[in-house]
Amino acid sequence: MVESGQNSNLCDLGVGKYRSQGSSVLIMAILGAAVVPLLQGLIPDLSGVHMSFIVPLFCYIYVLYYGFYGYKIKPKINE
């Protein structure tokens, strides 16, 4: 949990009054780290061990997306 301070700072950038929703997303990500292994453990019972590695593959694809595009703060549009 060395990174937890850095992750909470990323959630606070540019969210303004939606800070509580940003914090809830962080908590859901932490919960996801508890749920994903359960899903990966369930899949071998249904289809096989090799198919179970699709679950973390989707997680890594999302992390790559966030690393390249999702983290950028969108400019505010003045209306």
C-alpha atoms as a PDB file:
ATOM      1  CA  MET A   1       0.000   0.000   0.000  1.00  0.00           C
ATOM      2  CA  VAL A   2       2.892   2.349  -0.646  1.00  0.00           C
ATOM      3  CA  GLU A   3       1.036   3.961  -3.553  1.00  0.00           C
ATOM      4  CA  SER A   4      -2.221   4.668  -1.736  1.00  0.00           C
ATOM      5  CA  GLY A   5      -1.306   8.274  -0.990  1.00  0.00           C
ATOM      6  CA  GLN A   6      -0.463   8.934  -4.618  1.00  0.00           C
ATOM      7  CA  ASN A   7      -3.676   7.320  -5.847  1.00  0.00           C
ATOM      8  CA  SER A   8      -5.845   9.430  -3.568  1.00  0.00           C
ATOM      9  CA  ASN A   9      -4.118  12.557  -4.883  1.00  0.00           C
ATOM     10  CA  LEU A  10      -4.909  11.536  -8.463  1.00  0.00           C
ATOM     11  CA  CYS A  11      -8.555  11.133  -7.513  1.00  0.00           C
ATOM     12  CA  ASP A  12      -8.676  14.647  -6.073  1.00  0.00           C
ATOM     13  CA  LEU A  13      -7.282  16.467  -9.112  1.00  0.00           C
ATOM     14  CA  GLY A  14      -9.826  18.519 -10.962  1.00  0.00           C
ATOM     15  CA  VAL A  15     -12.957  16.992  -9.429  1.00  0.00           C
ATOM     16  CA  GLY A  16     -13.921  20.000  -7.324  1.00  0.00           C
ATOM     17  CA  LYS A  17     -17.304  19.491  -5.714  1.00  0.00           C
ATOM     18  CA  TYR A  18     -17.350  15.844  -6.893  1.00  0.00           C
ATOM     19  CA  ARG A  19     -14.543  14.885  -4.538  1.00  0.00           C
ATOM     20  CA  SER A  20     -16.700  12.392  -2.626  1.00  0.00           C
ATOM     21  CA  GLN A  21     -17.600  10.590  -5.862  1.00  0.00           C
ATOM     22  CA  GLY A  22     -13.923  10.490  -6.820  1.00  0.00           C
ATOM     23  CA  SER A  23     -13.088   8.973  -3.457  1.00  0.00           C
ATOM     24  CA  SER A  24     -15.809   6.367  -3.906  1.00  0.00           C
ATOM     25  CA  VAL A  25     -14.245   5.355  -7.224  1.00  0.00           C
ATOM     26  CA  LEU A  26     -10.958   4.799  -5.402  1.00  0.00           C
ATOM     27  CA  ILE A  27     -12.713   2.610  -2.826  1.00  0.00           C
ATOM     28  CA  MET A  28     -14.378   0.618  -5.621  1.00  0.00           C
ATOM     29  CA  ALA A  29     -10.951   0.047  -7.151  1.00  0.00           C
ATOM     30  CA  ILE A  30      -9.678  -1.313  -3.856  1.00  0.00           C
ATOM     31  CA  LEU A  31     -12.747  -3.557  -3.630  1.00  0.00           C
ATOM     32  CA  GLY A  32     -12.063  -4.686  -7.198  1.00  0.00           C
ATOM     33  CA  ALA A  33      -8.712  -5.987  -6.023  1.00  0.00           C
ATOM     34  CA  ALA A  34     -10.646  -8.247  -3.671  1.00  0.00           C
ATOM     35  CA  VAL A  35     -13.275  -9.353  -6.209  1.00  0.00           C
ATOM     36  CA  VAL A  36     -11.113  -9.992  -9.283  1.00  0.00           C
ATOM     37  CA  PRO A  37      -9.213 -12.924  -7.705  1.00  0.00           C
ATOM     38  CA  LEU A  38     -12.543 -14.505  -6.772  1.00  0.00           C
ATOM     39  CA  LEU A  39     -13.741 -14.221 -10.363  1.00  0.00           C
ATOM     40  CA  GLN A  40     -10.469 -15.604 -11.636  1.00  0.00           C
ATOM     41  CA  GLY A  41     -10.854 -18.529  -9.255  1.00  0.00           C
ATOM     42  CA  LEU A  42     -14.423 -19.205 -10.367  1.00  0.00           C
ATOM     43  CA  ILE A  43     -13.675 -19.372 -14.092  1.00  0.00           C
ATOM     44  CA  PRO A  44     -11.425 -22.484 -13.953  1.00  0.00           C
ATOM     45  CA  ASP A  45     -14.301 -24.384 -12.367  1.00  0.00           C
ATOM     46  CA  LEU A  46     -16.484 -23.494 -15.338  1.00  0.00           C
ATOM     47  CA  SER A  47     -14.190 -23.540 -18.354  1.00  0.00           C
ATOM     48  CA  GLY A  48     -10.520 -24.157 -17.558  1.00  0.00           C
ATOM     49  CA  VAL A  49      -7.431 -22.568 -16.065  1.00  0.00           C
ATOM     50  CA  HIS A  50      -6.247 -20.886 -19.263  1.00  0.00           C
ATOM     51  CA  MET A  51      -9.548 -19.044 -19.721  1.00  0.00           C
ATOM     52  CA  SER A  52      -9.295 -17.605 -16.197  1.00  0.00           C
ATOM     53  CA  PHE A  53      -6.452 -15.334 -17.279  1.00  0.00           C
ATOM     54  CA  ILE A  54      -8.882 -13.304 -19.370  1.00  0.00           C
ATOM     55  CA  VAL A  55     -10.063 -11.568 -16.178  1.00  0.00           C
ATOM     56  CA  PRO A  56      -6.718  -9.919 -15.326  1.00  0.00           C
ATOM     57  CA  LEU A  57      -6.178  -9.258 -19.041  1.00  0.00           C
ATOM     58  CA  PHE A  58      -9.234  -6.982 -19.041  1.00  0.00           C
ATOM     59  CA  CYS A  59      -7.927  -5.301 -15.889  1.00  0.00           C
ATOM     60  CA  TYR A  60      -4.523  -4.645 -17.439  1.00  0.00           C
ATOM     61  CA  ILE A  61      -6.120  -3.301 -20.623  1.00  0.00           C
ATOM     62  CA  TYR A  62      -8.099  -0.818 -18.546  1.00  0.00           C
ATOM     63  CA  VAL A  63      -4.997   0.212 -16.595  1.00  0.00           C
ATOM     64  CA  LEU A  64      -3.185   0.818 -19.891  1.00  0.00           C
ATOM     65  CA  TYR A  65      -6.083   2.918 -21.155  1.00  0.00           C
ATOM     66  CA  TYR A  66      -6.099   4.960 -17.958  1.00  0.00           C
ATOM     67  CA  GLY A  67      -2.330   5.393 -18.101  1.00  0.00           C
ATOM     68  CA  PHE A  68      -2.398   6.788 -21.628  1.00  0.00           C
ATOM     69  CA  TYR A  69      -5.727   8.616 -21.900  1.00  0.00           C
ATOM     70  CA  GLY A  70      -7.999   8.406 -18.885  1.00  0.00           C
ATOM     71  CA  TYR A  71      -5.920  10.363 -16.387  1.00  0.00           C
ATOM     72  CA  LYS A  72      -5.889  13.596 -18.375  1.00  0.00           C
ATOM     73  CA  ILE A  73      -7.868  16.431 -16.909  1.00  0.00           C
ATOM     74  CA  LYS A  74     -10.367  17.734 -19.416  1.00  0.00           C
ATOM     75  CA  PRO A  75     -10.364  21.512 -19.962  1.00  0.00           C
ATOM     76  CA  LYS A  76     -13.354  23.316 -18.511  1.00  0.00           C
ATOM     77  CA  ILE A  77     -15.815  24.711 -21.032  1.00  0.00           C
ATOM     78  CA  ASN A  78     -17.065  28.141 -20.030  1.00  0.00           C
ATOM     79  CA  GLU A  79     -20.723  28.501 -20.908  1.00  0.00           C
END
